[in-house]
mmCIF file of all heavy atoms, coordinates in Angstrom:
data_MODEL
# 
_entry.id   MODEL 
# 
loop_
_atom_site.group_PDB 
_atom_site.id 
_atom_site.type_symbol 
_atom_site.label_atom_id 
_atom_site.label_alt_id 
_atom_site.label_comp_id 
_atom_site.label_asym_id 
_atom_site.label_entity_id 
_atom_site.label_seq_id 
_atom_site.pdbx_PDB_ins_code 
_atom_site.Cartn_x 
_atom_site.Cartn_y 
_atom_site.Cartn_z 
_atom_site.occupancy 
_atom_site.B_iso_or_equiv 
_atom_site.pdbx_formal_charge 
_atom_site.auth_seq_id 
_atom_site.auth_comp_id 
_atom_site.auth_asym_id 
_atom_site.auth_atom_id 
_atom_site.pdbx_PDB_model_num 
ATOM 1   N N   . LEU A 1 1  ? -3.480  5.048  14.194 1.00 0.00 ? 1  LEU A N   1 
ATOM 2   C CA  . LEU A 1 1  ? -3.262  4.202  13.027 1.00 0.00 ? 1  LEU A CA  1 
ATOM 3   C C   . LEU A 1 1  ? -3.278  2.731  13.414 1.00 0.00 ? 1  LEU A C   1 
ATOM 4   O O   . LEU A 1 1  ? -3.940  1.904  12.779 1.00 0.00 ? 1  LEU A O   1 
ATOM 5   C CB  . LEU A 1 1  ? -1.932  4.563  12.374 1.00 0.00 ? 1  LEU A CB  1 
ATOM 6   C CG  . LEU A 1 1  ? -1.455  3.692  11.224 1.00 0.00 ? 1  LEU A CG  1 
ATOM 7   C CD1 . LEU A 1 1  ? -2.437  3.754  10.077 1.00 0.00 ? 1  LEU A CD1 1 
ATOM 8   C CD2 . LEU A 1 1  ? -0.066  4.134  10.782 1.00 0.00 ? 1  LEU A CD2 1 
ATOM 9   N N   . VAL A 1 2  ? -2.558  2.379  14.473 1.00 0.00 ? 2  VAL A N   1 
ATOM 10  C CA  . VAL A 1 2  ? -2.506  0.990  14.920 1.00 0.00 ? 2  VAL A CA  1 
ATOM 11  C C   . VAL A 1 2  ? -3.892  0.510  15.332 1.00 0.00 ? 2  VAL A C   1 
ATOM 12  O O   . VAL A 1 2  ? -4.296  -0.610 15.013 1.00 0.00 ? 2  VAL A O   1 
ATOM 13  C CB  . VAL A 1 2  ? -1.498  0.839  16.084 1.00 0.00 ? 2  VAL A CB  1 
ATOM 14  C CG1 . VAL A 1 2  ? -1.626  -0.546 16.731 1.00 0.00 ? 2  VAL A CG1 1 
ATOM 15  C CG2 . VAL A 1 2  ? -0.078  1.054  15.579 1.00 0.00 ? 2  VAL A CG2 1 
ATOM 16  N N   . ARG A 1 3  ? -4.649  1.358  16.028 1.00 0.00 ? 3  ARG A N   1 
ATOM 17  C CA  . ARG A 1 3  ? -5.988  0.961  16.446 1.00 0.00 ? 3  ARG A CA  1 
ATOM 18  C C   . ARG A 1 3  ? -6.902  0.742  15.250 1.00 0.00 ? 3  ARG A C   1 
ATOM 19  O O   . ARG A 1 3  ? -7.719  -0.177 15.228 1.00 0.00 ? 3  ARG A O   1 
ATOM 20  C CB  . ARG A 1 3  ? -6.593  2.017  17.375 1.00 0.00 ? 3  ARG A CB  1 
ATOM 21  C CG  . ARG A 1 3  ? -5.975  2.043  18.759 1.00 0.00 ? 3  ARG A CG  1 
ATOM 22  C CD  . ARG A 1 3  ? -6.894  2.696  19.768 1.00 0.00 ? 3  ARG A CD  1 
ATOM 23  N NE  . ARG A 1 3  ? -7.203  4.077  19.419 1.00 0.00 ? 3  ARG A NE  1 
ATOM 24  C CZ  . ARG A 1 3  ? -6.438  5.115  19.739 1.00 0.00 ? 3  ARG A CZ  1 
ATOM 25  N NH1 . ARG A 1 3  ? -5.297  4.929  20.400 1.00 0.00 ? 3  ARG A NH1 1 
ATOM 26  N NH2 . ARG A 1 3  ? -6.784  6.343  19.398 1.00 0.00 ? 3  ARG A NH2 1 
ATOM 27  N N   . LEU A 1 4  ? -6.766  1.584  14.240 1.00 0.00 ? 4  LEU A N   1 
ATOM 28  C CA  . LEU A 1 4  ? -7.596  1.436  13.044 1.00 0.00 ? 4  LEU A CA  1 
ATOM 29  C C   . LEU A 1 4  ? -7.309  0.127  12.336 1.00 0.00 ? 4  LEU A C   1 
ATOM 30  O O   . LEU A 1 4  ? -8.219  -0.630 11.997 1.00 0.00 ? 4  LEU A O   1 
ATOM 31  C CB  . LEU A 1 4  ? -7.358  2.608  12.089 1.00 0.00 ? 4  LEU A CB  1 
ATOM 32  C CG  . LEU A 1 4  ? -8.171  2.560  10.793 1.00 0.00 ? 4  LEU A CG  1 
ATOM 33  C CD1 . LEU A 1 4  ? -9.617  2.941  11.054 1.00 0.00 ? 4  LEU A CD1 1 
ATOM 34  C CD2 . LEU A 1 4  ? -7.570  3.480  9.732  1.00 0.00 ? 4  LEU A CD2 1 
ATOM 35  N N   . VAL A 1 5  ? -6.027  -0.157 12.114 1.00 0.00 ? 5  VAL A N   1 
ATOM 36  C CA  . VAL A 1 5  ? -5.651  -1.374 11.391 1.00 0.00 ? 5  VAL A CA  1 
ATOM 37  C C   . VAL A 1 5  ? -6.005  -2.621 12.202 1.00 0.00 ? 5  VAL A C   1 
ATOM 38  O O   . VAL A 1 5  ? -6.476  -3.626 11.666 1.00 0.00 ? 5  VAL A O   1 
ATOM 39  C CB  . VAL A 1 5  ? -4.150  -1.366 11.050 1.00 0.00 ? 5  VAL A CB  1 
ATOM 40  C CG1 . VAL A 1 5  ? -3.761  -2.638 10.308 1.00 0.00 ? 5  VAL A CG1 1 
ATOM 41  C CG2 . VAL A 1 5  ? -3.809  -0.144 10.202 1.00 0.00 ? 5  VAL A CG2 1 
ATOM 42  N N   . ALA A 1 6  ? -5.825  -2.549 13.518 1.00 0.00 ? 6  ALA A N   1 
ATOM 43  C CA  . ALA A 1 6  ? -6.101  -3.699 14.377 1.00 0.00 ? 6  ALA A CA  1 
ATOM 44  C C   . ALA A 1 6  ? -7.585  -3.916 14.611 1.00 0.00 ? 6  ALA A C   1 
ATOM 45  O O   . ALA A 1 6  ? -7.998  -4.968 15.097 1.00 0.00 ? 6  ALA A O   1 
ATOM 46  C CB  . ALA A 1 6  ? -5.385  -3.520 15.712 1.00 0.00 ? 6  ALA A CB  1 
ATOM 47  N N   . GLY A 1 7  ? -8.400  -2.918 14.293 1.00 0.00 ? 7  GLY A N   1 
ATOM 48  C CA  . GLY A 1 7  ? -9.838  -3.077 14.494 1.00 0.00 ? 7  GLY A CA  1 
ATOM 49  C C   . GLY A 1 7  ? -10.309 -2.621 15.852 1.00 0.00 ? 7  GLY A C   1 
ATOM 50  O O   . GLY A 1 7  ? -11.464 -2.875 16.218 1.00 0.00 ? 7  GLY A O   1 
ATOM 51  N N   . ASP A 1 8  ? -9.440  -1.932 16.614 1.00 0.00 ? 8  ASP A N   1 
ATOM 52  C CA  . ASP A 1 8  ? -9.859  -1.402 17.903 1.00 0.00 ? 8  ASP A CA  1 
ATOM 53  C C   . ASP A 1 8  ? -10.693 -0.149 17.683 1.00 0.00 ? 8  ASP A C   1 
ATOM 54  O O   . ASP A 1 8  ? -10.491 0.587  16.717 1.00 0.00 ? 8  ASP A O   1 
ATOM 55  C CB  . ASP A 1 8  ? -8.642  -1.049 18.760 1.00 0.00 ? 8  ASP A CB  1 
ATOM 56  C CG  . ASP A 1 8  ? -7.818  -2.274 19.103 1.00 0.00 ? 8  ASP A CG  1 
ATOM 57  O OD1 . ASP A 1 8  ? -8.395  -3.381 19.079 1.00 0.00 ? 8  ASP A OD1 1 
ATOM 58  O OD2 . ASP A 1 8  ? -6.610  -2.137 19.355 1.00 0.00 ? 8  ASP A OD2 1 
ATOM 59  N N   . GLN A 1 9  ? -11.619 0.116  18.598 1.00 0.00 ? 9  GLN A N   1 
ATOM 60  C CA  . GLN A 1 9  ? -12.505 1.265  18.457 1.00 0.00 ? 9  GLN A CA  1 
ATOM 61  C C   . GLN A 1 9  ? -11.734 2.554  18.624 1.00 0.00 ? 9  GLN A C   1 
ATOM 62  O O   . GLN A 1 9  ? -10.942 2.716  19.547 1.00 0.00 ? 9  GLN A O   1 
ATOM 63  C CB  . GLN A 1 9  ? -13.630 1.210  19.497 1.00 0.00 ? 9  GLN A CB  1 
ATOM 64  C CG  . GLN A 1 9  ? -14.664 2.308  19.320 1.00 0.00 ? 9  GLN A CG  1 
ATOM 65  C CD  . GLN A 1 9  ? -15.810 2.167  20.302 1.00 0.00 ? 9  GLN A CD  1 
ATOM 66  O OE1 . GLN A 1 9  ? -15.765 1.338  21.205 1.00 0.00 ? 9  GLN A OE1 1 
ATOM 67  N NE2 . GLN A 1 9  ? -16.842 2.975  20.131 1.00 0.00 ? 9  GLN A NE2 1 
ATOM 68  N N   . LEU A 1 10 ? -11.975 3.499  17.704 1.00 0.00 ? 10 LEU A N   1 
ATOM 69  C CA  . LEU A 1 10 ? -11.376 4.817  17.815 1.00 0.00 ? 10 LEU A CA  1 
ATOM 70  C C   . LEU A 1 10 ? -12.187 5.633  18.816 1.00 0.00 ? 10 LEU A C   1 
ATOM 71  O O   . LEU A 1 10 ? -13.328 5.334  19.105 1.00 0.00 ? 10 LEU A O   1 
ATOM 72  C CB  . LEU A 1 10 ? -11.374 5.523  16.455 1.00 0.00 ? 10 LEU A CB  1 
ATOM 73  C CG  . LEU A 1 10 ? -10.611 4.805  15.334 1.00 0.00 ? 10 LEU A CG  1 
ATOM 74  C CD1 . LEU A 1 10 ? -10.729 5.587  14.040 1.00 0.00 ? 10 LEU A CD1 1 
ATOM 75  C CD2 . LEU A 1 10 ? -9.155  4.622  15.704 1.00 0.00 ? 10 LEU A CD2 1 
ATOM 76  N N   . GLU A 1 11 ? -11.574 6.706  19.336 1.00 0.00 ? 11 GLU A N   1 
ATOM 77  C CA  . GLU A 1 11 ? -12.304 7.508  20.307 1.00 0.00 ? 11 GLU A CA  1 
ATOM 78  C C   . GLU A 1 11 ? -13.546 8.101  19.682 1.00 0.00 ? 11 GLU A C   1 
ATOM 79  O O   . GLU A 1 11 ? -13.577 8.430  18.512 1.00 0.00 ? 11 GLU A O   1 
ATOM 80  C CB  . GLU A 1 11 ? -11.416 8.629  20.864 1.00 0.00 ? 11 GLU A CB  1 
ATOM 81  C CG  . GLU A 1 11 ? -10.889 9.591  19.812 1.00 0.00 ? 11 GLU A CG  1 
ATOM 82  C CD  . GLU A 1 11 ? -9.495  9.205  19.359 1.00 0.00 ? 11 GLU A CD  1 
ATOM 83  O OE1 . GLU A 1 11 ? -9.163  8.009  19.446 1.00 0.00 ? 11 GLU A OE1 1 
ATOM 84  O OE2 . GLU A 1 11 ? -8.754  10.098 18.920 1.00 0.00 ? 11 GLU A OE2 1 
ATOM 85  N N   . GLU A 1 12 ? -14.583 8.254  20.497 1.00 0.00 ? 12 GLU A N   1 
ATOM 86  C CA  . GLU A 1 12 ? -15.851 8.762  20.012 1.00 0.00 ? 12 GLU A CA  1 
ATOM 87  C C   . GLU A 1 12 ? -15.778 10.264 19.766 1.00 0.00 ? 12 GLU A C   1 
ATOM 88  O O   . GLU A 1 12 ? -15.206 11.011 20.535 1.00 0.00 ? 12 GLU A O   1 
ATOM 89  C CB  . GLU A 1 12 ? -16.958 8.495  21.050 1.00 0.00 ? 12 GLU A CB  1 
ATOM 90  C CG  . GLU A 1 12 ? -17.239 7.013  21.251 1.00 0.00 ? 12 GLU A CG  1 
ATOM 91  C CD  . GLU A 1 12 ? -17.968 6.416  20.059 1.00 0.00 ? 12 GLU A CD  1 
ATOM 92  O OE1 . GLU A 1 12 ? -18.820 7.101  19.482 1.00 0.00 ? 12 GLU A OE1 1 
ATOM 93  O OE2 . GLU A 1 12 ? -17.679 5.262  19.715 1.00 0.00 ? 12 GLU A OE2 1 
ATOM 94  N N   . ALA A 1 13 ? -16.382 10.699 18.662 1.00 0.00 ? 13 ALA A N   1 
ATOM 95  C CA  . ALA A 1 13 ? -16.514 12.130 18.407 1.00 0.00 ? 13 ALA A CA  1 
ATOM 96  C C   . ALA A 1 13 ? -17.710 12.632 19.201 1.00 0.00 ? 13 ALA A C   1 
ATOM 97  O O   . ALA A 1 13 ? -18.583 11.865 19.567 1.00 0.00 ? 13 ALA A O   1 
ATOM 98  C CB  . ALA A 1 13 ? -16.729 12.368 16.914 1.00 0.00 ? 13 ALA A CB  1 
ATOM 99  N N   . PRO A 1 14 ? -17.779 13.946 19.492 1.00 0.00 ? 14 PRO A N   1 
ATOM 100 C CA  . PRO A 1 14 ? -18.869 14.453 20.299 1.00 0.00 ? 14 PRO A CA  1 
ATOM 101 C C   . PRO A 1 14 ? -20.240 14.163 19.716 1.00 0.00 ? 14 PRO A C   1 
ATOM 102 O O   . PRO A 1 14 ? -21.195 13.957 20.447 1.00 0.00 ? 14 PRO A O   1 
ATOM 103 C CB  . PRO A 1 14 ? -18.606 15.971 20.318 1.00 0.00 ? 14 PRO A CB  1 
ATOM 104 C CG  . PRO A 1 14 ? -17.155 16.111 20.040 1.00 0.00 ? 14 PRO A CG  1 
ATOM 105 C CD  . PRO A 1 14 ? -16.803 14.971 19.152 1.00 0.00 ? 14 PRO A CD  1 
ATOM 106 N N   . THR A 1 15 ? -20.346 14.122 18.363 1.00 0.00 ? 15 THR A N   1 
ATOM 107 C CA  . THR A 1 15 ? -21.658 13.892 17.780 1.00 0.00 ? 15 THR A CA  1 
ATOM 108 C C   . THR A 1 15 ? -21.744 12.524 17.150 1.00 0.00 ? 15 THR A C   1 
ATOM 109 O O   . THR A 1 15 ? -22.569 11.708 17.510 1.00 0.00 ? 15 THR A O   1 
ATOM 110 C CB  . THR A 1 15 ? -21.965 14.960 16.709 1.00 0.00 ? 15 THR A CB  1 
ATOM 111 O OG1 . THR A 1 15 ? -20.896 14.997 15.778 1.00 0.00 ? 15 THR A OG1 1 
ATOM 112 C CG2 . THR A 1 15 ? -22.096 16.313 17.360 1.00 0.00 ? 15 THR A CG2 1 
ATOM 113 N N   . ALA A 1 16 ? -20.870 12.245 16.188 1.00 0.00 ? 16 ALA A N   1 
ATOM 114 C CA  . ALA A 1 16 ? -20.934 10.970 15.496 1.00 0.00 ? 16 ALA A CA  1 
ATOM 115 C C   . ALA A 1 16 ? -19.600 10.303 15.541 1.00 0.00 ? 16 ALA A C   1 
ATOM 116 O O   . ALA A 1 16 ? -18.623 10.848 15.139 1.00 0.00 ? 16 ALA A O   1 
ATOM 117 C CB  . ALA A 1 16 ? -21.322 11.209 14.057 1.00 0.00 ? 16 ALA A CB  1 
ATOM 118 N N   . ALA A 1 17 ? -19.542 9.088  16.036 1.00 0.00 ? 17 ALA A N   1 
ATOM 119 C CA  . ALA A 1 17 ? -18.273 8.443  16.197 1.00 0.00 ? 17 ALA A CA  1 
ATOM 120 C C   . ALA A 1 17 ? -17.792 7.835  14.938 1.00 0.00 ? 17 ALA A C   1 
ATOM 121 O O   . ALA A 1 17 ? -18.518 7.263  14.215 1.00 0.00 ? 17 ALA A O   1 
ATOM 122 C CB  . ALA A 1 17 ? -18.415 7.361  17.219 1.00 0.00 ? 17 ALA A CB  1 
ATOM 123 N N   . GLY A 1 18 ? -16.553 7.954  14.799 1.00 0.00 ? 18 GLY A N   1 
ATOM 124 C CA  . GLY A 1 18 ? -15.714 7.456  13.806 1.00 0.00 ? 18 GLY A CA  1 
ATOM 125 C C   . GLY A 1 18 ? -16.156 6.895  12.551 1.00 0.00 ? 18 GLY A C   1 
ATOM 126 O O   . GLY A 1 18 ? -15.581 6.062  12.173 1.00 0.00 ? 18 GLY A O   1 
ATOM 127 N N   . SER A 1 19 ? -16.970 7.116  11.733 1.00 0.00 ? 19 SER A N   1 
ATOM 128 C CA  . SER A 1 19 ? -17.205 6.458  10.469 1.00 0.00 ? 19 SER A CA  1 
ATOM 129 C C   . SER A 1 19 ? -18.361 6.412  9.517  1.00 0.00 ? 19 SER A C   1 
ATOM 130 O O   . SER A 1 19 ? -19.386 6.781  9.882  1.00 0.00 ? 19 SER A O   1 
ATOM 131 C CB  . SER A 1 19 ? -17.401 5.810  10.858 1.00 0.00 ? 19 SER A CB  1 
ATOM 132 O OG  . SER A 1 19 ? -18.237 7.150  11.214 1.00 0.00 ? 19 SER A OG  1 
ATOM 133 N N   . PRO A 1 20 ? -18.078 5.941  8.204  1.00 0.00 ? 20 PRO A N   1 
ATOM 134 C CA  . PRO A 1 20 ? -19.138 5.994  7.268  1.00 0.00 ? 20 PRO A CA  1 
ATOM 135 C C   . PRO A 1 20 ? -20.043 4.867  7.405  1.00 0.00 ? 20 PRO A C   1 
ATOM 136 O O   . PRO A 1 20 ? -19.896 4.095  8.263  1.00 0.00 ? 20 PRO A O   1 
ATOM 137 C CB  . PRO A 1 20 ? -18.481 5.956  5.945  1.00 0.00 ? 20 PRO A CB  1 
ATOM 138 C CG  . PRO A 1 20 ? -17.201 5.409  6.183  1.00 0.00 ? 20 PRO A CG  1 
ATOM 139 C CD  . PRO A 1 20 ? -16.913 5.555  7.614  1.00 0.00 ? 20 PRO A CD  1 
ATOM 140 N N   . ALA A 1 21 ? -20.983 4.918  6.514  1.00 0.00 ? 21 ALA A N   1 
ATOM 141 C CA  . ALA A 1 21 ? -21.919 3.827  6.533  1.00 0.00 ? 21 ALA A CA  1 
ATOM 142 C C   . ALA A 1 21 ? -22.089 3.314  5.137  1.00 0.00 ? 21 ALA A C   1 
ATOM 143 O O   . ALA A 1 21 ? -22.046 4.074  4.205  1.00 0.00 ? 21 ALA A O   1 
ATOM 144 C CB  . ALA A 1 21 ? -23.236 4.337  7.040  1.00 0.00 ? 21 ALA A CB  1 
ATOM 145 N N   . THR A 1 22 ? -22.266 2.017  5.014  1.00 0.00 ? 22 THR A N   1 
ATOM 146 C CA  . THR A 1 22 ? -22.527 1.459  3.697  1.00 0.00 ? 22 THR A CA  1 
ATOM 147 C C   . THR A 1 22 ? -23.888 0.810  3.724  1.00 0.00 ? 22 THR A C   1 
ATOM 148 O O   . THR A 1 22 ? -24.212 0.069  4.642  1.00 0.00 ? 22 THR A O   1 
ATOM 149 C CB  . THR A 1 22 ? -21.474 0.409  3.312  1.00 0.00 ? 22 THR A CB  1 
ATOM 150 O OG1 . THR A 1 22 ? -21.463 -0.594 4.309  1.00 0.00 ? 22 THR A OG1 1 
ATOM 151 C CG2 . THR A 1 22 ? -20.116 1.041  3.195  1.00 0.00 ? 22 THR A CG2 1 
ATOM 152 N N   . GLY A 1 23 ? -24.673 1.115  2.728  1.00 0.00 ? 23 GLY A N   1 
ATOM 153 C CA  . GLY A 1 23 ? -26.023 0.556  2.677  1.00 0.00 ? 23 GLY A CA  1 
ATOM 154 C C   . GLY A 1 23 ? -26.068 -0.672 1.823  1.00 0.00 ? 23 GLY A C   1 
ATOM 155 O O   . GLY A 1 23 ? -25.109 -1.046 1.163  1.00 0.00 ? 23 GLY A O   1 
ATOM 156 N N   . PRO A 1 24 ? -27.202 -1.359 1.812  1.00 0.00 ? 24 PRO A N   1 
ATOM 157 C CA  . PRO A 1 24 ? -27.323 -2.579 1.040  1.00 0.00 ? 24 PRO A CA  1 
ATOM 158 C C   . PRO A 1 24 ? -27.121 -2.370 -0.443 1.00 0.00 ? 24 PRO A C   1 
ATOM 159 O O   . PRO A 1 24 ? -26.777 -3.278 -1.174 1.00 0.00 ? 24 PRO A O   1 
ATOM 160 C CB  . PRO A 1 24 ? -28.749 -3.030 1.328  1.00 0.00 ? 24 PRO A CB  1 
ATOM 161 C CG  . PRO A 1 24 ? -29.321 -2.113 2.339  1.00 0.00 ? 24 PRO A CG  1 
ATOM 162 C CD  . PRO A 1 24 ? -28.368 -0.985 2.557  1.00 0.00 ? 24 PRO A CD  1 
# 
């Protein structure tokens, strides 16, 4: 939680690391 709020990178998942994507 602290890493997320602070903007630190979360640990990588085996396939896709931590997150969504927003398009234009």
